Amino acid sequence: MLTTTTMKKYLFLFISIVCFSACSDDIEDNTPAFEGVLENDFWRASNVTATTAGGGLIIQGVTAAEVLTIKTSSTEPGAYTLGTGTANVGKYALNNGGNYTTGDGVGDGQIVITSFANGQISGTFRFNAALNGEADGALINMQRGVFFKVPVGTAAAVE
């Protein structure tokens, strides 16, 4: 006959086996990443390209129906304010029309480059961009944007 102590040991062993068998070693890698929250919906690029031009940086992410572009005046780590000129820009365009952009006195936001090392760039971004770049145009909101380990100078497919 089983004693209470023996039953507790078997119960503990059974619970341990169930708990540890539910664990998985499947780790999903999301590198490179270019994503954020667009109008309160999660948005992720299916392809992302980062290039340098004139000392600045251009990161462009695309999906089947849209293109998101951020541009900074430098590749140096730091914060870049949007809506005060055309050197630092956030843009969102739908393939079937509807172009939203920041510009001189249009929209607002910020791009923060946190790292540019080993040919990869990482940082965050957020912006409010106006339809057709007009100061009184309808706004679109991108928040909690992230670009992570995006290779600079080449196109990279996002898994």
N, C-alpha and C. Protein backbone atom coordinates (compact mmCIF):
# COMPACT_ATOMS: atom_id res chain seq x y z
N MET A 1 0.84 -1.17 0.00
CA MET A 1 0.00 0.00 0.00
C MET A 1 0.89 1.25 0.00
N LEU A 2 0.47 2.27 -0.75
CA LEU A 2 1.25 3.49 -0.86
C LEU A 2 1.01 4.38 0.35
N THR A 3 2.09 4.93 0.85
CA THR A 3 1.97 5.86 1.97
C THR A 3 1.73 7.26 1.42
N THR A 4 1.37 8.13 2.29
CA THR A 4 1.13 9.52 1.90
C THR A 4 2.41 10.15 1.37
N THR A 5 3.53 9.85 1.99
CA THR A 5 4.81 10.40 1.54
C THR A 5 5.15 9.90 0.15
N THR A 6 4.94 8.63 -0.13
CA THR A 6 5.22 8.06 -1.45
C THR A 6 4.29 8.68 -2.49
N MET A 7 3.04 8.85 -2.14
CA MET A 7 2.08 9.45 -3.07
C MET A 7 2.48 10.90 -3.37
N LYS A 8 2.95 11.63 -2.38
CA LYS A 8 3.38 13.01 -2.61
C LYS A 8 4.58 13.04 -3.55
N LYS A 9 5.49 12.08 -3.40
CA LYS A 9 6.65 12.02 -4.28
C LYS A 9 6.24 11.75 -5.72
N TYR A 10 5.31 10.82 -5.90
CA TYR A 10 4.83 10.53 -7.26
C TYR A 10 4.07 11.72 -7.85
N LEU A 11 3.29 12.37 -7.03
CA LEU A 11 2.56 13.55 -7.50
C LEU A 11 3.54 14.65 -7.91
N PHE A 12 4.55 14.89 -7.09
CA PHE A 12 5.57 15.88 -7.41
C PHE A 12 6.29 15.51 -8.71
N LEU A 13 6.66 14.27 -8.87
CA LEU A 13 7.33 13.80 -10.07
C LEU A 13 6.44 13.99 -11.30
N PHE A 14 5.17 13.65 -11.19
CA PHE A 14 4.22 13.80 -12.29
C PHE A 14 4.07 15.27 -12.69
N ILE A 15 3.91 16.16 -11.71
CA ILE A 15 3.75 17.59 -12.00
C ILE A 15 5.03 18.14 -12.64
N SER A 16 6.18 17.71 -12.15
CA SER A 16 7.45 18.16 -12.72
C SER A 16 7.59 17.74 -14.18
N ILE A 17 7.23 16.51 -14.48
CA ILE A 17 7.32 16.02 -15.86
C ILE A 17 6.38 16.81 -16.76
N VAL A 18 5.17 17.06 -16.31
CA VAL A 18 4.20 17.82 -17.11
C VAL A 18 4.71 19.24 -17.35
N CYS A 19 5.22 19.88 -16.31
CA CYS A 19 5.70 21.26 -16.46
C CYS A 19 6.88 21.36 -17.41
N PHE A 20 7.86 20.49 -17.26
CA PHE A 20 9.06 20.58 -18.09
C PHE A 20 8.85 20.06 -19.50
N SER A 21 7.89 19.20 -19.70
CA SER A 21 7.64 18.72 -21.06
C SER A 21 6.92 19.77 -21.89
N ALA A 22 6.31 20.76 -21.24
CA ALA A 22 5.63 21.83 -21.97
C ALA A 22 6.60 22.89 -22.46
N CYS A 23 7.82 22.88 -21.96
CA CYS A 23 8.81 23.86 -22.38
C CYS A 23 9.31 23.52 -23.78
N SER A 24 9.71 24.56 -24.48
CA SER A 24 10.19 24.37 -25.84
C SER A 24 11.47 25.15 -26.04
N ASP A 25 12.34 24.65 -26.90
CA ASP A 25 13.57 25.35 -27.22
C ASP A 25 13.44 26.16 -28.50
N ASP A 26 12.23 26.26 -29.06
CA ASP A 26 12.02 27.02 -30.28
C ASP A 26 12.10 28.51 -29.97
N ILE A 27 13.12 29.16 -30.49
CA ILE A 27 13.29 30.59 -30.30
C ILE A 27 13.15 31.25 -31.66
N GLU A 28 12.25 32.19 -31.75
CA GLU A 28 12.03 32.89 -33.01
C GLU A 28 12.91 34.11 -33.07
N ASP A 29 13.71 34.22 -34.11
CA ASP A 29 14.61 35.34 -34.29
C ASP A 29 13.93 36.38 -35.18
N ASN A 30 13.85 37.60 -34.70
CA ASN A 30 13.21 38.67 -35.44
C ASN A 30 14.27 39.71 -35.85
N THR A 31 15.39 39.22 -36.38
CA THR A 31 16.46 40.10 -36.78
C THR A 31 16.67 39.97 -38.27
N PRO A 32 16.70 41.02 -39.05
CA PRO A 32 16.49 42.39 -38.64
C PRO A 32 15.01 42.68 -38.42
N ALA A 33 14.74 43.76 -37.69
CA ALA A 33 13.36 44.14 -37.41
C ALA A 33 13.13 45.60 -37.78
N PHE A 34 11.96 45.87 -38.32
CA PHE A 34 11.50 47.24 -38.58
C PHE A 34 10.00 47.19 -38.35
N GLU A 35 9.56 47.69 -37.20
CA GLU A 35 8.16 47.54 -36.80
C GLU A 35 7.74 48.64 -35.85
N GLY A 36 6.44 48.74 -35.63
CA GLY A 36 5.90 49.73 -34.72
C GLY A 36 4.40 49.59 -34.63
N VAL A 37 3.77 50.60 -34.04
CA VAL A 37 2.32 50.63 -33.89
C VAL A 37 1.79 51.77 -34.74
N LEU A 38 1.10 51.43 -35.81
CA LEU A 38 0.55 52.41 -36.76
C LEU A 38 -0.94 52.53 -36.51
N GLU A 39 -1.37 53.72 -36.10
CA GLU A 39 -2.79 53.94 -35.82
C GLU A 39 -3.35 52.86 -34.88
N ASN A 40 -2.60 52.54 -33.84
CA ASN A 40 -2.97 51.57 -32.80
C ASN A 40 -3.02 50.12 -33.27
N ASP A 41 -2.45 49.82 -34.43
CA ASP A 41 -2.34 48.44 -34.92
C ASP A 41 -0.87 48.11 -35.13
N PHE A 42 -0.50 46.87 -34.76
CA PHE A 42 0.89 46.45 -34.95
C PHE A 42 1.22 46.44 -36.43
N TRP A 43 2.40 46.98 -36.77
CA TRP A 43 2.86 47.04 -38.15
C TRP A 43 4.27 46.49 -38.20
N ARG A 44 4.55 45.63 -39.19
CA ARG A 44 5.90 45.08 -39.37
C ARG A 44 6.21 45.02 -40.86
N ALA A 45 7.40 45.47 -41.21
CA ALA A 45 7.85 45.41 -42.60
C ALA A 45 8.17 43.98 -42.98
N SER A 46 7.83 43.61 -44.21
CA SER A 46 8.21 42.29 -44.70
C SER A 46 9.61 42.33 -45.31
N ASN A 47 10.06 43.49 -45.74
CA ASN A 47 11.43 43.71 -46.22
C ASN A 47 11.89 45.06 -45.71
N VAL A 48 13.16 45.16 -45.38
CA VAL A 48 13.71 46.43 -44.90
C VAL A 48 15.06 46.67 -45.55
N THR A 49 15.31 47.94 -45.91
CA THR A 49 16.57 48.36 -46.52
C THR A 49 17.08 49.57 -45.76
N ALA A 50 18.36 49.59 -45.46
CA ALA A 50 18.99 50.76 -44.85
C ALA A 50 20.18 51.16 -45.71
N THR A 51 20.24 52.42 -46.05
CA THR A 51 21.34 52.93 -46.86
C THR A 51 21.81 54.27 -46.29
N THR A 52 23.02 54.62 -46.62
CA THR A 52 23.52 55.94 -46.26
C THR A 52 23.55 56.80 -47.51
N ALA A 53 23.31 58.09 -47.33
CA ALA A 53 23.34 59.03 -48.45
C ALA A 53 23.66 60.41 -47.89
N GLY A 54 24.69 61.05 -48.42
CA GLY A 54 25.04 62.40 -47.99
C GLY A 54 25.34 62.50 -46.51
N GLY A 55 25.87 61.44 -45.92
CA GLY A 55 26.19 61.44 -44.50
C GLY A 55 25.02 61.06 -43.61
N GLY A 56 23.83 60.92 -44.22
CA GLY A 56 22.63 60.58 -43.46
C GLY A 56 22.23 59.13 -43.65
N LEU A 57 21.10 58.79 -43.09
CA LEU A 57 20.59 57.42 -43.11
C LEU A 57 19.18 57.40 -43.66
N ILE A 58 18.88 56.39 -44.46
CA ILE A 58 17.51 56.17 -44.95
C ILE A 58 17.17 54.71 -44.67
N ILE A 59 16.11 54.49 -43.91
CA ILE A 59 15.62 53.13 -43.67
C ILE A 59 14.23 53.05 -44.28
N GLN A 60 14.02 52.04 -45.11
CA GLN A 60 12.73 51.88 -45.78
C GLN A 60 12.22 50.46 -45.57
N GLY A 61 11.01 50.37 -45.04
CA GLY A 61 10.36 49.08 -44.85
C GLY A 61 9.13 48.99 -45.72
N VAL A 62 8.90 47.82 -46.29
CA VAL A 62 7.75 47.65 -47.18
C VAL A 62 6.93 46.44 -46.75
N THR A 63 5.64 46.53 -47.06
CA THR A 63 4.73 45.40 -46.99
C THR A 63 4.09 45.29 -48.37
N ALA A 64 3.13 44.42 -48.53
CA ALA A 64 2.47 44.27 -49.82
C ALA A 64 1.71 45.53 -50.23
N ALA A 65 1.30 46.36 -49.26
CA ALA A 65 0.44 47.49 -49.59
C ALA A 65 0.98 48.85 -49.16
N GLU A 66 2.16 48.91 -48.54
CA GLU A 66 2.61 50.18 -48.00
C GLU A 66 4.13 50.26 -47.88
N VAL A 67 4.61 51.50 -47.73
CA VAL A 67 6.04 51.77 -47.58
C VAL A 67 6.20 52.75 -46.42
N LEU A 68 7.09 52.43 -45.49
CA LEU A 68 7.41 53.32 -44.38
C LEU A 68 8.88 53.68 -44.49
N THR A 69 9.18 54.99 -44.45
CA THR A 69 10.55 55.46 -44.60
C THR A 69 10.88 56.42 -43.47
N ILE A 70 12.05 56.24 -42.88
CA ILE A 70 12.57 57.23 -41.94
C ILE A 70 13.94 57.66 -42.44
N LYS A 71 14.24 58.96 -42.24
CA LYS A 71 15.47 59.52 -42.77
C LYS A 71 16.08 60.43 -41.71
N THR A 72 17.40 60.29 -41.49
CA THR A 72 18.10 61.17 -40.56
C THR A 72 19.24 61.88 -41.29
N SER A 73 19.67 62.99 -40.73
CA SER A 73 20.74 63.78 -41.33
C SER A 73 22.13 63.22 -41.04
N SER A 74 22.21 62.22 -40.16
CA SER A 74 23.49 61.62 -39.80
C SER A 74 23.28 60.16 -39.43
N THR A 75 24.36 59.41 -39.40
CA THR A 75 24.29 58.01 -38.96
C THR A 75 24.78 57.87 -37.52
N GLU A 76 25.17 58.98 -36.91
CA GLU A 76 25.69 58.96 -35.54
C GLU A 76 24.57 58.66 -34.54
N PRO A 77 24.86 57.87 -33.50
CA PRO A 77 23.87 57.66 -32.45
C PRO A 77 23.43 59.00 -31.85
N GLY A 78 22.13 59.11 -31.60
CA GLY A 78 21.56 60.34 -31.05
C GLY A 78 20.11 60.48 -31.44
N ALA A 79 19.50 61.58 -30.99
CA ALA A 79 18.09 61.85 -31.25
C ALA A 79 17.95 62.86 -32.38
N TYR A 80 17.02 62.60 -33.29
CA TYR A 80 16.76 63.45 -34.45
C TYR A 80 15.29 63.85 -34.43
N THR A 81 15.04 65.14 -34.33
CA THR A 81 13.68 65.67 -34.23
C THR A 81 13.05 65.78 -35.61
N LEU A 82 11.78 65.38 -35.70
CA LEU A 82 11.02 65.47 -36.95
C LEU A 82 10.05 66.66 -36.89
N GLY A 83 9.73 67.21 -38.06
CA GLY A 83 8.77 68.29 -38.15
C GLY A 83 9.38 69.67 -38.09
N THR A 84 10.72 69.76 -38.07
CA THR A 84 11.38 71.06 -38.01
C THR A 84 12.15 71.39 -39.29
N GLY A 85 12.12 70.50 -40.25
CA GLY A 85 12.82 70.71 -41.52
C GLY A 85 12.68 69.46 -42.36
N THR A 86 13.52 69.37 -43.39
CA THR A 86 13.44 68.21 -44.27
C THR A 86 14.63 67.28 -44.16
N ALA A 87 15.58 67.57 -43.24
CA ALA A 87 16.76 66.72 -43.07
C ALA A 87 16.40 65.42 -42.35
N ASN A 88 15.47 65.48 -41.42
CA ASN A 88 15.01 64.32 -40.67
C ASN A 88 13.52 64.15 -40.94
N VAL A 89 13.14 62.99 -41.47
CA VAL A 89 11.78 62.83 -41.99
C VAL A 89 11.22 61.46 -41.63
N GLY A 90 9.91 61.41 -41.39
CA GLY A 90 9.16 60.17 -41.29
C GLY A 90 8.09 60.18 -42.37
N LYS A 91 8.00 59.10 -43.14
CA LYS A 91 7.02 59.02 -44.23
C LYS A 91 6.29 57.69 -44.19
N TYR A 92 5.01 57.73 -44.57
CA TYR A 92 4.20 56.52 -44.71
C TYR A 92 3.39 56.68 -45.98
N ALA A 93 3.47 55.69 -46.87
CA ALA A 93 2.75 55.77 -48.14
C ALA A 93 2.02 54.47 -48.42
N LEU A 94 0.78 54.59 -48.84
CA LEU A 94 0.00 53.44 -49.30
C LEU A 94 0.23 53.28 -50.79
N ASN A 95 0.35 52.06 -51.25
CA ASN A 95 0.60 51.81 -52.68
C ASN A 95 -0.52 52.34 -53.57
N ASN A 96 -1.74 52.41 -53.05
CA ASN A 96 -2.86 52.88 -53.85
C ASN A 96 -3.15 54.37 -53.62
N GLY A 97 -2.20 55.10 -53.09
CA GLY A 97 -2.36 56.53 -52.84
C GLY A 97 -2.38 56.81 -51.35
N GLY A 98 -2.28 58.05 -50.99
CA GLY A 98 -2.25 58.43 -49.59
C GLY A 98 -0.82 58.47 -49.10
N ASN A 99 -0.19 59.64 -49.21
CA ASN A 99 1.19 59.82 -48.77
C ASN A 99 1.21 60.75 -47.56
N TYR A 100 1.77 60.26 -46.47
CA TYR A 100 1.86 61.02 -45.22
C TYR A 100 3.33 61.29 -44.95
N THR A 101 3.67 62.52 -44.55
CA THR A 101 5.07 62.86 -44.30
C THR A 101 5.19 63.95 -43.25
N THR A 102 6.35 63.99 -42.60
CA THR A 102 6.71 65.12 -41.76
C THR A 102 7.54 66.06 -42.62
N GLY A 103 7.72 67.28 -42.18
CA GLY A 103 8.51 68.23 -42.95
C GLY A 103 8.70 69.51 -42.16
N ASP A 104 9.04 70.57 -42.84
CA ASP A 104 9.27 71.86 -42.21
C ASP A 104 7.96 72.41 -41.66
N GLY A 105 7.76 72.32 -40.36
CA GLY A 105 6.53 72.78 -39.73
C GLY A 105 5.36 71.84 -39.94
N VAL A 106 5.62 70.63 -40.39
CA VAL A 106 4.56 69.65 -40.67
C VAL A 106 4.82 68.39 -39.84
N GLY A 107 3.86 68.03 -39.03
CA GLY A 107 3.98 66.83 -38.21
C GLY A 107 5.02 66.99 -37.12
N ASP A 108 5.29 65.89 -36.42
CA ASP A 108 6.30 65.90 -35.36
C ASP A 108 6.74 64.48 -35.09
N GLY A 109 7.76 64.34 -34.27
CA GLY A 109 8.24 63.02 -33.90
C GLY A 109 9.72 63.01 -33.63
N GLN A 110 10.26 61.80 -33.51
CA GLN A 110 11.67 61.66 -33.20
C GLN A 110 12.19 60.32 -33.68
N ILE A 111 13.41 60.32 -34.19
CA ILE A 111 14.14 59.09 -34.52
C ILE A 111 15.36 59.08 -33.60
N VAL A 112 15.58 57.94 -32.93
CA VAL A 112 16.74 57.81 -32.05
C VAL A 112 17.59 56.65 -32.54
N ILE A 113 18.81 56.95 -32.96
CA ILE A 113 19.75 55.90 -33.32
C ILE A 113 20.50 55.53 -32.05
N THR A 114 20.38 54.27 -31.64
CA THR A 114 21.03 53.82 -30.42
C THR A 114 22.35 53.12 -30.69
N SER A 115 22.49 52.54 -31.89
CA SER A 115 23.71 51.80 -32.20
C SER A 115 23.92 51.72 -33.70
N PHE A 116 25.15 51.93 -34.12
CA PHE A 116 25.55 51.71 -35.50
C PHE A 116 26.93 51.06 -35.43
N ALA A 117 26.94 49.73 -35.48
CA ALA A 117 28.18 48.98 -35.33
C ALA A 117 28.12 47.73 -36.20
N ASN A 118 29.28 47.32 -36.69
CA ASN A 118 29.40 46.10 -37.50
C ASN A 118 28.46 46.11 -38.70
N GLY A 119 28.22 47.31 -39.27
CA GLY A 119 27.38 47.42 -40.45
C GLY A 119 25.90 47.26 -40.19
N GLN A 120 25.48 47.31 -38.91
CA GLN A 120 24.06 47.18 -38.55
C GLN A 120 23.63 48.37 -37.70
N ILE A 121 22.40 48.81 -37.92
CA ILE A 121 21.89 49.98 -37.19
C ILE A 121 20.65 49.61 -36.40
N SER A 122 20.53 50.20 -35.21
CA SER A 122 19.39 49.94 -34.33
C SER A 122 18.92 51.25 -33.71
N GLY A 123 17.64 51.30 -33.36
CA GLY A 123 17.10 52.48 -32.70
C GLY A 123 15.59 52.43 -32.60
N THR A 124 15.02 53.59 -32.31
CA THR A 124 13.57 53.72 -32.14
C THR A 124 13.07 54.92 -32.94
N PHE A 125 11.76 54.97 -33.14
CA PHE A 125 11.17 56.12 -33.83
C PHE A 125 9.69 56.24 -33.49
N ARG A 126 9.18 57.45 -33.69
CA ARG A 126 7.75 57.74 -33.56
C ARG A 126 7.49 59.02 -34.35
N PHE A 127 6.30 59.11 -34.93
CA PHE A 127 5.97 60.35 -35.61
C PHE A 127 4.48 60.47 -35.89
N ASN A 128 4.05 61.73 -36.09
CA ASN A 128 2.74 62.08 -36.62
C ASN A 128 3.03 62.74 -37.96
N ALA A 129 2.54 62.16 -39.03
CA ALA A 129 2.80 62.67 -40.37
C ALA A 129 1.50 63.15 -41.00
N ALA A 130 1.60 64.21 -41.79
CA ALA A 130 0.42 64.83 -42.40
C ALA A 130 0.22 64.35 -43.83
N LEU A 131 -1.04 64.18 -44.21
CA LEU A 131 -1.40 63.77 -45.55
C LEU A 131 -0.85 64.77 -46.56
N ASN A 132 -0.12 64.25 -47.54
CA ASN A 132 0.51 65.05 -48.60
C ASN A 132 1.44 66.13 -48.07
N GLY A 133 1.90 65.99 -46.83
CA GLY A 133 2.83 66.96 -46.26
C GLY A 133 2.24 68.32 -46.01
N GLU A 134 0.91 68.42 -45.93
CA GLU A 134 0.24 69.70 -45.71
C GLU A 134 0.02 69.91 -44.22
N ALA A 135 0.36 71.10 -43.75
CA ALA A 135 0.27 71.39 -42.31
C ALA A 135 -1.12 71.15 -41.74
N ASP A 136 -2.15 71.36 -42.53
CA ASP A 136 -3.51 71.15 -42.03
C ASP A 136 -4.11 69.84 -42.53
N GLY A 137 -3.26 68.96 -43.09
CA GLY A 137 -3.73 67.67 -43.60
C GLY A 137 -4.02 66.68 -42.48
N ALA A 138 -4.78 65.65 -42.81
CA ALA A 138 -5.07 64.58 -41.84
C ALA A 138 -3.77 63.95 -41.38
N LEU A 139 -3.72 63.58 -40.11
CA LEU A 139 -2.50 62.99 -39.54
C LEU A 139 -2.61 61.48 -39.43
N ILE A 140 -1.46 60.83 -39.52
CA ILE A 140 -1.36 59.41 -39.24
C ILE A 140 -0.29 59.27 -38.15
N ASN A 141 -0.52 58.33 -37.22
CA ASN A 141 0.34 58.21 -36.06
C ASN A 141 1.10 56.89 -36.07
N MET A 142 2.42 56.98 -35.94
CA MET A 142 3.29 55.82 -35.77
C MET A 142 3.96 55.99 -34.42
N GLN A 143 3.84 54.98 -33.57
CA GLN A 143 4.46 55.04 -32.25
C GLN A 143 5.16 53.72 -31.93
N ARG A 144 6.01 53.76 -30.92
CA ARG A 144 6.77 52.59 -30.47
C ARG A 144 7.49 51.89 -31.62
N GLY A 145 7.99 52.67 -32.57
CA GLY A 145 8.72 52.10 -33.70
C GLY A 145 10.11 51.64 -33.30
N VAL A 146 10.53 50.55 -33.91
CA VAL A 146 11.84 49.96 -33.62
C VAL A 146 12.49 49.51 -34.92
N PHE A 147 13.77 49.83 -35.08
CA PHE A 147 14.59 49.20 -36.11
C PHE A 147 15.75 48.55 -35.37
N PHE A 148 15.96 47.25 -35.64
CA PHE A 148 16.91 46.48 -34.85
C PHE A 148 17.83 45.67 -35.75
N LYS A 149 19.11 45.95 -35.64
CA LYS A 149 20.16 45.24 -36.39
C LYS A 149 19.86 45.16 -37.88
N VAL A 150 19.45 46.29 -38.44
CA VAL A 150 19.19 46.36 -39.88
C VAL A 150 20.53 46.57 -40.59
N PRO A 151 20.89 45.66 -41.51
CA PRO A 151 22.16 45.83 -42.24
C PRO A 151 22.12 47.09 -43.10
N VAL A 152 23.15 47.87 -43.03
CA VAL A 152 23.22 49.12 -43.78
C VAL A 152 23.89 48.85 -45.12
N GLY A 153 23.22 49.28 -46.19
CA GLY A 153 23.77 49.14 -47.52
C GLY A 153 23.22 47.97 -48.31
N THR A 154 22.42 47.10 -47.69
CA THR A 154 21.85 45.95 -48.39
C THR A 154 20.39 45.78 -48.02
N ALA A 155 19.64 45.13 -48.87
CA ALA A 155 18.25 44.80 -48.57
C ALA A 155 18.23 43.52 -47.74
N ALA A 156 17.30 43.45 -46.81
CA ALA A 156 17.21 42.26 -45.95
C ALA A 156 15.75 41.84 -45.81
N ALA A 157 15.47 40.58 -46.07
CA ALA A 157 14.12 40.06 -45.89
C ALA A 157 13.86 39.85 -44.40
N VAL A 158 12.67 40.21 -43.96
CA VAL A 158 12.28 40.03 -42.58
C VAL A 158 11.44 38.79 -42.49
N GLU A 159 11.82 37.88 -41.62
CA GLU A 159 11.10 36.60 -41.47
C GLU A 159 9.82 36.81 -40.71
